[in-house]
Amino acid sequence: MPEISRFFGIIIRMYFDEHNPPHFHTEFGGNKAVFDLLGNITKGDLKSKTAVKLVREWIDLHTKELEEDWDLSRNGKTLKEIAPLD
């Protein structure tokens, strides 16, 4: 599963050949969650309100790039890295 970004201990990954709706997987401190591209948690829990807030902020900054990576993943192509939060 390709890692597309990492910031403040949060790892963001996107699988190839995933099901709709568009989403990505996150991990923080051993906890895992799946986010849709609107920032909703659809599965799991990061157990940190701060981590969730940071992921949602990152989504707001990179929605277009996430959509592009989703399209790439659905077509089995190499994903592009997305800039972390600073």
PDB file of N, CA and C in Angstrom:
ATOM      1  N   MET A   1       0.861  -1.170   0.000  1.00  0.00           N
ATOM      2  CA  MET A   1       0.000   0.000   0.000  1.00  0.00           C
ATOM      3  C   MET A   1       0.903   1.228   0.000  1.00  0.00           C
ATOM      4  N   PRO A   2       0.846   2.011  -1.050  1.00  0.00           N
ATOM      5  CA  PRO A   2       1.723   3.174  -1.163  1.00  0.00           C
ATOM      6  C   PRO A   2       1.427   4.273  -0.131  1.00  0.00           C
ATOM      7  N   GLU A   3       2.505   4.738   0.463  1.00  0.00           N
ATOM      8  CA  GLU A   3       2.413   5.878   1.376  1.00  0.00           C
ATOM      9  C   GLU A   3       2.451   7.139   0.518  1.00  0.00           C
ATOM     10  N   ILE A   4       1.450   8.014   0.707  1.00  0.00           N
ATOM     11  CA  ILE A   4       1.416   9.224  -0.110  1.00  0.00           C
ATOM     12  C   ILE A   4       1.795  10.472   0.677  1.00  0.00           C
ATOM     13  N   SER A   5       1.782  10.384   2.021  1.00  0.00           N
ATOM     14  CA  SER A   5       2.205  11.528   2.822  1.00  0.00           C
ATOM     15  C   SER A   5       2.458  11.074   4.260  1.00  0.00           C
ATOM     16  N   ARG A   6       3.229  11.895   4.966  1.00  0.00           N
ATOM     17  CA  ARG A   6       3.534  11.639   6.376  1.00  0.00           C
ATOM     18  C   ARG A   6       3.813  12.978   7.041  1.00  0.00           C
ATOM     19  N   PHE A   7       3.136  13.230   8.160  1.00  0.00           N
ATOM     20  CA  PHE A   7       3.360  14.473   8.898  1.00  0.00           C
ATOM     21  C   PHE A   7       2.940  14.296  10.353  1.00  0.00           C
ATOM     22  N   PHE A   8       3.701  14.878  11.245  1.00  0.00           N
ATOM     23  CA  PHE A   8       3.423  14.858  12.677  1.00  0.00           C
ATOM     24  C   PHE A   8       3.092  13.455  13.186  1.00  0.00           C
ATOM     25  N   GLY A   9       3.766  12.452  12.651  1.00  0.00           N
ATOM     26  CA  GLY A   9       3.541  11.073  13.071  1.00  0.00           C
ATOM     27  C   GLY A   9       2.327  10.411  12.436  1.00  0.00           C
ATOM     28  N   ILE A  10       1.648  11.103  11.537  1.00  0.00           N
ATOM     29  CA  ILE A  10       0.477  10.567  10.850  1.00  0.00           C
ATOM     30  C   ILE A  10       0.930  10.041   9.487  1.00  0.00           C
ATOM     31  N   ILE A  11       0.567   8.801   9.193  1.00  0.00           N
ATOM     32  CA  ILE A  11       0.918   8.190   7.911  1.00  0.00           C
ATOM     33  C   ILE A  11      -0.351   8.090   7.071  1.00  0.00           C
ATOM     34  N   ILE A  12      -0.251   8.520   5.815  1.00  0.00           N
ATOM     35  CA  ILE A  12      -1.378   8.496   4.885  1.00  0.00           C
ATOM     36  C   ILE A  12      -1.034   7.524   3.761  1.00  0.00           C
ATOM     37  N   ARG A  13      -1.935   6.563   3.524  1.00  0.00           N
ATOM     38  CA  ARG A  13      -1.720   5.569   2.469  1.00  0.00           C
ATOM     39  C   ARG A  13      -2.976   5.452   1.612  1.00  0.00           C
ATOM     40  N   MET A  14      -2.761   5.018   0.373  1.00  0.00           N
ATOM     41  CA  MET A  14      -3.881   4.757  -0.524  1.00  0.00           C
ATOM     42  C   MET A  14      -3.592   3.434  -1.237  1.00  0.00           C
ATOM     43  N   TYR A  15      -4.564   2.544  -1.201  1.00  0.00           N
ATOM     44  CA  TYR A  15      -4.430   1.239  -1.858  1.00  0.00           C
ATOM     45  C   TYR A  15      -4.756   1.334  -3.341  1.00  0.00           C
ATOM     46  N   PHE A  16      -4.231   0.373  -4.097  1.00  0.00           N
ATOM     47  CA  PHE A  16      -4.618   0.200  -5.493  1.00  0.00           C
ATOM     48  C   PHE A  16      -5.877  -0.663  -5.525  1.00  0.00           C
ATOM     49  N   ASP A  17      -6.654  -0.520  -6.577  1.00  0.00           N
ATOM     50  CA  ASP A  17      -7.858  -1.338  -6.785  1.00  0.00           C
ATOM     51  C   ASP A  17      -8.827  -1.282  -5.613  1.00  0.00           C
ATOM     52  N   GLU A  18      -9.025  -0.134  -5.044  1.00  0.00           N
ATOM     53  CA  GLU A  18      -9.958   0.028  -3.930  1.00  0.00           C
ATOM     54  C   GLU A  18     -11.370   0.250  -4.443  1.00  0.00           C
ATOM     55  N   HIS A  19     -12.297   0.079  -3.555  1.00  0.00           N
ATOM     56  CA  HIS A  19     -13.718   0.267  -3.839  1.00  0.00           C
ATOM     57  C   HIS A  19     -14.096   1.731  -3.656  1.00  0.00           C
ATOM     58  N   ASN A  20     -15.172   2.140  -4.294  1.00  0.00           N
ATOM     59  CA  ASN A  20     -15.715   3.479  -4.065  1.00  0.00           C
ATOM     60  C   ASN A  20     -16.450   3.491  -2.738  1.00  0.00           C
ATOM     61  N   PRO A  21     -16.644   4.613  -2.110  1.00  0.00           N
ATOM     62  CA  PRO A  21     -16.254   5.956  -2.525  1.00  0.00           C
ATOM     63  C   PRO A  21     -14.757   6.194  -2.303  1.00  0.00           C
ATOM     64  N   PRO A  22     -14.207   7.220  -2.948  1.00  0.00           N
ATOM     65  CA  PRO A  22     -12.790   7.547  -2.777  1.00  0.00           C
ATOM     66  C   PRO A  22     -12.440   7.746  -1.302  1.00  0.00           C
ATOM     67  N   HIS A  23     -11.319   7.179  -0.907  1.00  0.00           N
ATOM     68  CA  HIS A  23     -10.906   7.261   0.492  1.00  0.00           C
ATOM     69  C   HIS A  23      -9.408   6.967   0.607  1.00  0.00           C
ATOM     70  N   PHE A  24      -8.885   7.155   1.807  1.00  0.00           N
ATOM     71  CA  PHE A  24      -7.499   6.799   2.094  1.00  0.00           C
ATOM     72  C   PHE A  24      -7.403   6.292   3.530  1.00  0.00           C
ATOM     73  N   HIS A  25      -6.293   5.651   3.825  1.00  0.00           N
ATOM     74  CA  HIS A  25      -6.065   5.032   5.120  1.00  0.00           C
ATOM     75  C   HIS A  25      -5.047   5.854   5.902  1.00  0.00           C
ATOM     76  N   THR A  26      -5.295   5.998   7.200  1.00  0.00           N
ATOM     77  CA  THR A  26      -4.384   6.749   8.061  1.00  0.00           C
ATOM     78  C   THR A  26      -3.960   5.888   9.231  1.00  0.00           C
ATOM     79  N   GLU A  27      -2.792   6.219   9.767  1.00  0.00           N
ATOM     80  CA  GLU A  27      -2.312   5.554  10.972  1.00  0.00           C
ATOM     81  C   GLU A  27      -1.623   6.593  11.846  1.00  0.00           C
ATOM     82  N   PHE A  28      -1.908   6.516  13.128  1.00  0.00           N
ATOM     83  CA  PHE A  28      -1.267   7.419  14.086  1.00  0.00           C
ATOM     84  C   PHE A  28      -1.184   6.711  15.435  1.00  0.00           C
ATOM     85  N   GLY A  29       0.022   6.574  15.945  1.00  0.00           N
ATOM     86  CA  GLY A  29       0.218   5.959  17.257  1.00  0.00           C
ATOM     87  C   GLY A  29      -0.362   4.561  17.371  1.00  0.00           C
ATOM     88  N   GLY A  30      -0.307   3.798  16.288  1.00  0.00           N
ATOM     89  CA  GLY A  30      -0.828   2.444  16.292  1.00  0.00           C
ATOM     90  C   GLY A  30      -2.324   2.344  16.038  1.00  0.00           C
ATOM     91  N   ASN A  31      -3.002   3.467  15.939  1.00  0.00           N
ATOM     92  CA  ASN A  31      -4.435   3.485  15.648  1.00  0.00           C
ATOM     93  C   ASN A  31      -4.644   3.767  14.166  1.00  0.00           C
ATOM     94  N   LYS A  32      -5.705   3.177  13.611  1.00  0.00           N
ATOM     95  CA  LYS A  32      -5.953   3.307  12.184  1.00  0.00           C
ATOM     96  C   LYS A  32      -7.371   3.804  11.931  1.00  0.00           C
ATOM     97  N   ALA A  33      -7.505   4.562  10.837  1.00  0.00           N
ATOM     98  CA  ALA A  33      -8.818   5.053  10.418  1.00  0.00           C
ATOM     99  C   ALA A  33      -8.815   5.230   8.904  1.00  0.00           C
ATOM    100  N   VAL A  34     -10.006   5.175   8.344  1.00  0.00           N
ATOM    101  CA  VAL A  34     -10.208   5.429   6.919  1.00  0.00           C
ATOM    102  C   VAL A  34     -11.019   6.715   6.807  1.00  0.00           C
ATOM    103  N   PHE A  35     -10.547   7.625   5.957  1.00  0.00           N
ATOM    104  CA  PHE A  35     -11.217   8.907   5.721  1.00  0.00           C
ATOM    105  C   PHE A  35     -11.700   8.960   4.289  1.00  0.00           C
ATOM    106  N   ASP A  36     -12.888   9.528   4.077  1.00  0.00           N
ATOM    107  CA  ASP A  36     -13.282   9.843   2.712  1.00  0.00           C
ATOM    108  C   ASP A  36     -12.668  11.198   2.365  1.00  0.00           C
ATOM    109  N   LEU A  37     -12.834  11.636   1.139  1.00  0.00           N
ATOM    110  CA  LEU A  37     -12.169  12.876   0.715  1.00  0.00           C
ATOM    111  C   LEU A  37     -12.874  14.130   1.214  1.00  0.00           C
ATOM    112  N   LEU A  38     -13.971  13.947   1.953  1.00  0.00           N
ATOM    113  CA  LEU A  38     -14.649  15.082   2.591  1.00  0.00           C
ATOM    114  C   LEU A  38     -14.214  15.237   4.048  1.00  0.00           C
ATOM    115  N   GLY A  39     -13.401  14.304   4.535  1.00  0.00           N
ATOM    116  CA  GLY A  39     -12.906  14.384   5.902  1.00  0.00           C
ATOM    117  C   GLY A  39     -13.696  13.573   6.904  1.00  0.00           C
ATOM    118  N   ASN A  40     -14.647  12.768   6.430  1.00  0.00           N
ATOM    119  CA  ASN A  40     -15.412  11.915   7.327  1.00  0.00           C
ATOM    120  C   ASN A  40     -14.646  10.629   7.603  1.00  0.00           C
ATOM    121  N   ILE A  41     -14.654  10.190   8.845  1.00  0.00           N
ATOM    122  CA  ILE A  41     -14.065   8.895   9.183  1.00  0.00           C
ATOM    123  C   ILE A  41     -15.119   7.837   8.866  1.00  0.00           C
ATOM    124  N   THR A  42     -14.757   6.902   7.999  1.00  0.00           N
ATOM    125  CA  THR A  42     -15.703   5.866   7.600  1.00  0.00           C
ATOM    126  C   THR A  42     -15.433   4.528   8.276  1.00  0.00           C
ATOM    127  N   LYS A  43     -14.257   4.414   8.874  1.00  0.00           N
ATOM    128  CA  LYS A  43     -13.892   3.183   9.567  1.00  0.00           C
ATOM    129  C   LYS A  43     -12.745   3.479  10.514  1.00  0.00           C
ATOM    130  N   GLY A  44     -12.766   2.875  11.702  1.00  0.00           N
ATOM    131  CA  GLY A  44     -11.671   3.007  12.653  1.00  0.00           C
ATOM    132  C   GLY A  44     -11.725   4.299  13.442  1.00  0.00           C
ATOM    133  N   ASP A  45     -10.616   4.583  14.123  1.00  0.00           N
ATOM    134  CA  ASP A  45     -10.510   5.768  14.977  1.00  0.00           C
ATOM    135  C   ASP A  45      -9.033   6.029  15.261  1.00  0.00           C
ATOM    136  N   LEU A  46      -8.595   7.248  15.076  1.00  0.00           N
ATOM    137  CA  LEU A  46      -7.201   7.591  15.373  1.00  0.00           C
ATOM    138  C   LEU A  46      -6.970   7.823  16.858  1.00  0.00           C
ATOM    139  N   LYS A  47      -8.034   7.900  17.654  1.00  0.00           N
ATOM    140  CA  LYS A  47      -7.958   8.087  19.113  1.00  0.00           C
ATOM    141  C   LYS A  47      -7.305   9.398  19.517  1.00  0.00           C
ATOM    142  N   SER A  48      -7.212  10.324  18.605  1.00  0.00           N
ATOM    143  CA  SER A  48      -6.620  11.633  18.890  1.00  0.00           C
ATOM    144  C   SER A  48      -7.387  12.700  18.125  1.00  0.00           C
ATOM    145  N   LYS A  49      -8.056  13.575  18.858  1.00  0.00           N
ATOM    146  CA  LYS A  49      -8.800  14.662  18.205  1.00  0.00           C
ATOM    147  C   LYS A  49      -7.863  15.561  17.416  1.00  0.00           C
ATOM    148  N   THR A  50      -6.650  15.749  17.936  1.00  0.00           N
ATOM    149  CA  THR A  50      -5.675  16.595  17.252  1.00  0.00           C
ATOM    150  C   THR A  50      -5.261  15.968  15.921  1.00  0.00           C
ATOM    151  N   ALA A  51      -4.996  14.663  15.917  1.00  0.00           N
ATOM    152  CA  ALA A  51      -4.607  13.983  14.675  1.00  0.00           C
ATOM    153  C   ALA A  51      -5.731  14.063  13.656  1.00  0.00           C
ATOM    154  N   VAL A  52      -6.972  13.857  14.081  1.00  0.00           N
ATOM    155  CA  VAL A  52      -8.109  13.942  13.171  1.00  0.00           C
ATOM    156  C   VAL A  52      -8.214  15.351  12.592  1.00  0.00           C
ATOM    157  N   LYS A  53      -8.041  16.351  13.439  1.00  0.00           N
ATOM    158  CA  LYS A  53      -8.100  17.739  12.981  1.00  0.00           C
ATOM    159  C   LYS A  53      -7.005  18.018  11.943  1.00  0.00           C
ATOM    160  N   LEU A  54      -5.800  17.501  12.189  1.00  0.00           N
ATOM    161  CA  LEU A  54      -4.691  17.703  11.251  1.00  0.00           C
ATOM    162  C   LEU A  54      -4.955  17.017   9.919  1.00  0.00           C
ATOM    163  N   VAL A  55      -5.502  15.813   9.957  1.00  0.00           N
ATOM    164  CA  VAL A  55      -5.820  15.105   8.714  1.00  0.00           C
ATOM    165  C   VAL A  55      -6.863  15.896   7.934  1.00  0.00           C
ATOM    166  N   ARG A  56      -7.880  16.386   8.616  1.00  0.00           N
ATOM    167  CA  ARG A  56      -8.924  17.158   7.925  1.00  0.00           C
ATOM    168  C   ARG A  56      -8.373  18.454   7.328  1.00  0.00           C
ATOM    169  N   GLU A  57      -7.456  19.092   8.040  1.00  0.00           N
ATOM    170  CA  GLU A  57      -6.813  20.300   7.506  1.00  0.00           C
ATOM    171  C   GLU A  57      -6.015  19.948   6.252  1.00  0.00           C
ATOM    172  N   TRP A  58      -5.301  18.834   6.303  1.00  0.00           N
ATOM    173  CA  TRP A  58      -4.507  18.370   5.166  1.00  0.00           C
ATOM    174  C   TRP A  58      -5.410  18.078   3.970  1.00  0.00           C
ATOM    175  N   ILE A  59      -6.552  17.424   4.208  1.00  0.00           N
ATOM    176  CA  ILE A  59      -7.508  17.138   3.136  1.00  0.00           C
ATOM    177  C   ILE A  59      -7.954  18.436   2.470  1.00  0.00           C
ATOM    178  N   ASP A  60      -8.301  19.435   3.271  1.00  0.00           N
ATOM    179  CA  ASP A  60      -8.756  20.721   2.720  1.00  0.00           C
ATOM    180  C   ASP A  60      -7.712  21.344   1.796  1.00  0.00           C
ATOM    181  N   LEU A  61      -6.449  21.160   2.135  1.00  0.00           N
ATOM    182  CA  LEU A  61      -5.371  21.733   1.330  1.00  0.00           C
ATOM    183  C   LEU A  61      -5.067  20.922   0.071  1.00  0.00           C
ATOM    184  N   HIS A  62      -5.415  19.638   0.079  1.00  0.00           N
ATOM    185  CA  HIS A  62      -4.954  18.742  -0.992  1.00  0.00           C
ATOM    186  C   HIS A  62      -6.059  17.899  -1.632  1.00  0.00           C
ATOM    187  N   THR A  63      -7.287  18.372  -1.607  1.00  0.00           N
ATOM    188  CA  THR A  63      -8.400  17.592  -2.153  1.00  0.00           C
ATOM    189  C   THR A  63      -8.175  17.216  -3.618  1.00  0.00           C
ATOM    190  N   LYS A  64      -7.753  18.176  -4.416  1.00  0.00           N
ATOM    191  CA  LYS A  64      -7.545  17.903  -5.844  1.00  0.00           C
ATOM    192  C   LYS A  64      -6.477  16.825  -6.048  1.00  0.00           C
ATOM    193  N   GLU A  65      -5.388  16.915  -5.302  1.00  0.00           N
ATOM    194  CA  GLU A  65      -4.314  15.926  -5.426  1.00  0.00           C
ATOM    195  C   GLU A  65      -4.782  14.545  -4.959  1.00  0.00           C
ATOM    196  N   LEU A  66      -5.611  14.506  -3.917  1.00  0.00           N
ATOM    197  CA  LEU A  66      -6.164  13.234  -3.458  1.00  0.00           C
ATOM    198  C   LEU A  66      -7.058  12.613  -4.534  1.00  0.00           C
ATOM    199  N   GLU A  67      -7.868  13.430  -5.176  1.00  0.00           N
ATOM    200  CA  GLU A  67      -8.722  12.941  -6.263  1.00  0.00           C
ATOM    201  C   GLU A  67      -7.874  12.396  -7.410  1.00  0.00           C
ATOM    202  N   GLU A  68      -6.786  13.087  -7.725  1.00  0.00           N
ATOM    203  CA  GLU A  68      -5.892  12.626  -8.788  1.00  0.00           C
ATOM    204  C   GLU A  68      -5.238  11.299  -8.412  1.00  0.00           C
ATOM    205  N   ASP A  69      -4.772  11.175  -7.167  1.00  0.00           N
ATOM    206  CA  ASP A  69      -4.174   9.917  -6.725  1.00  0.00           C
ATOM    207  C   ASP A  69      -5.211   8.793  -6.726  1.00  0.00           C
ATOM    208  N   TRP A  70      -6.457   9.107  -6.356  1.00  0.00           N
ATOM    209  CA  TRP A  70      -7.502   8.089  -6.384  1.00  0.00           C
ATOM    210  C   TRP A  70      -7.680   7.561  -7.817  1.00  0.00           C
ATOM    211  N   ASP A  71      -7.722   8.466  -8.774  1.00  0.00           N
ATOM    212  CA  ASP A  71      -7.858   8.054 -10.173  1.00  0.00           C
ATOM    213  C   ASP A  71      -6.664   7.208 -10.617  1.00  0.00           C
ATOM    214  N   LEU A  72      -5.475   7.609 -10.219  1.00  0.00           N
ATOM    215  CA  LEU A  72      -4.281   6.835 -10.545  1.00  0.00           C
ATOM    216  C   LEU A  72      -4.358   5.438  -9.940  1.00  0.00           C
ATOM    217  N   SER A  73      -4.763   5.357  -8.678  1.00  0.00           N
ATOM    218  CA  SER A  73      -4.825   4.053  -7.998  1.00  0.00           C
ATOM    219  C   SER A  73      -5.849   3.138  -8.661  1.00  0.00           C
ATOM    220  N   ARG A  74      -6.973   3.694  -9.079  1.00  0.00           N
ATOM    221  CA  ARG A  74      -8.023   2.897  -9.722  1.00  0.00           C
ATOM    222  C   ARG A  74      -7.552   2.345 -11.066  1.00  0.00           C
ATOM    223  N   ASN A  75      -6.563   3.012 -11.655  1.00  0.00           N
ATOM    224  CA  ASN A  75      -6.025   2.572 -12.942  1.00  0.00           C
ATOM    225  C   ASN A  75      -4.693   1.841 -12.806  1.00  0.00           C
ATOM    226  N   GLY A  76      -4.311   1.515 -11.558  1.00  0.00           N
ATOM    227  CA  GLY A  76      -3.090   0.754 -11.319  1.00  0.00           C
ATOM    228  C   GLY A  76      -1.815   1.505 -11.623  1.00  0.00           C
ATOM    229  N   LYS A  77      -1.876   2.821 -11.582  1.00  0.00           N
ATOM    230  CA  LYS A  77      -0.698   3.642 -11.895  1.00  0.00           C
ATOM    231  C   LYS A  77      -0.015   4.104 -10.614  1.00  0.00           C
ATOM    232  N   THR A  78       1.207   4.551 -10.747  1.00  0.00           N
ATOM    233  CA  THR A  78       1.990   5.021  -9.618  1.00  0.00           C
ATOM    234  C   THR A  78       1.378   6.286  -9.030  1.00  0.00           C
ATOM    235  N   LEU A  79       1.208   6.276  -7.709  1.00  0.00           N
ATOM    236  CA  LEU A  79       0.636   7.428  -7.018  1.00  0.00           C
ATOM    237  C   LEU A  79       1.688   8.506  -6.824  1.00  0.00           C
ATOM    238  N   LYS A  80       1.215   9.723  -6.720  1.00  0.00           N
ATOM    239  CA  LYS A  80       2.103  10.854  -6.483  1.00  0.00           C
ATOM    240  C   LYS A  80       2.114  11.168  -4.981  1.00  0.00           C
ATOM    241  N   GLU A  81       3.278  11.511  -4.503  1.00  0.00           N
ATOM    242  CA  GLU A  81       3.388  11.949  -3.110  1.00  0.00           C
ATOM    243  C   GLU A  81       2.698  13.295  -2.956  1.00  0.00           C
ATOM    244  N   ILE A  82       2.075  13.503  -1.799  1.00  0.00           N
ATOM    245  CA  ILE A  82       1.391  14.750  -1.524  1.00  0.00           C
ATOM    246  C   ILE A  82       2.103  15.428  -0.357  1.00  0.00           C
ATOM    247  N   ALA A  83       2.329  16.716  -0.481  1.00  0.00           N
ATOM    248  CA  ALA A  83       3.065  17.469   0.534  1.00  0.00           C
ATOM    249  C   ALA A  83       2.423  17.319   1.917  1.00  0.00           C
ATOM    250  N   PRO A  84       3.260  17.203   2.940  1.00  0.00           N
ATOM    251  CA  PRO A  84       2.743  17.125   4.308  1.00  0.00           C
ATOM    252  C   PRO A  84       2.346  18.507   4.819  1.00  0.00           C
ATOM    253  N   LEU A  85       1.691  18.506   5.965  1.00  0.00           N
ATOM    254  CA  LEU A  85       1.480  19.788   6.667  1.00  0.00           C
ATOM    255  C   LEU A  85       2.814  20.230   7.232  1.00  0.00           C
ATOM    256  N   ASP A  86       3.033  21.518   7.296  1.00  0.00           N
ATOM    257  CA  ASP A  86       4.284  22.042   7.864  1.00  0.00           C
ATOM    258  C   ASP A  86       4.093  22.386   9.317  1.00  0.00           C
TER     259      ASP A  86
END
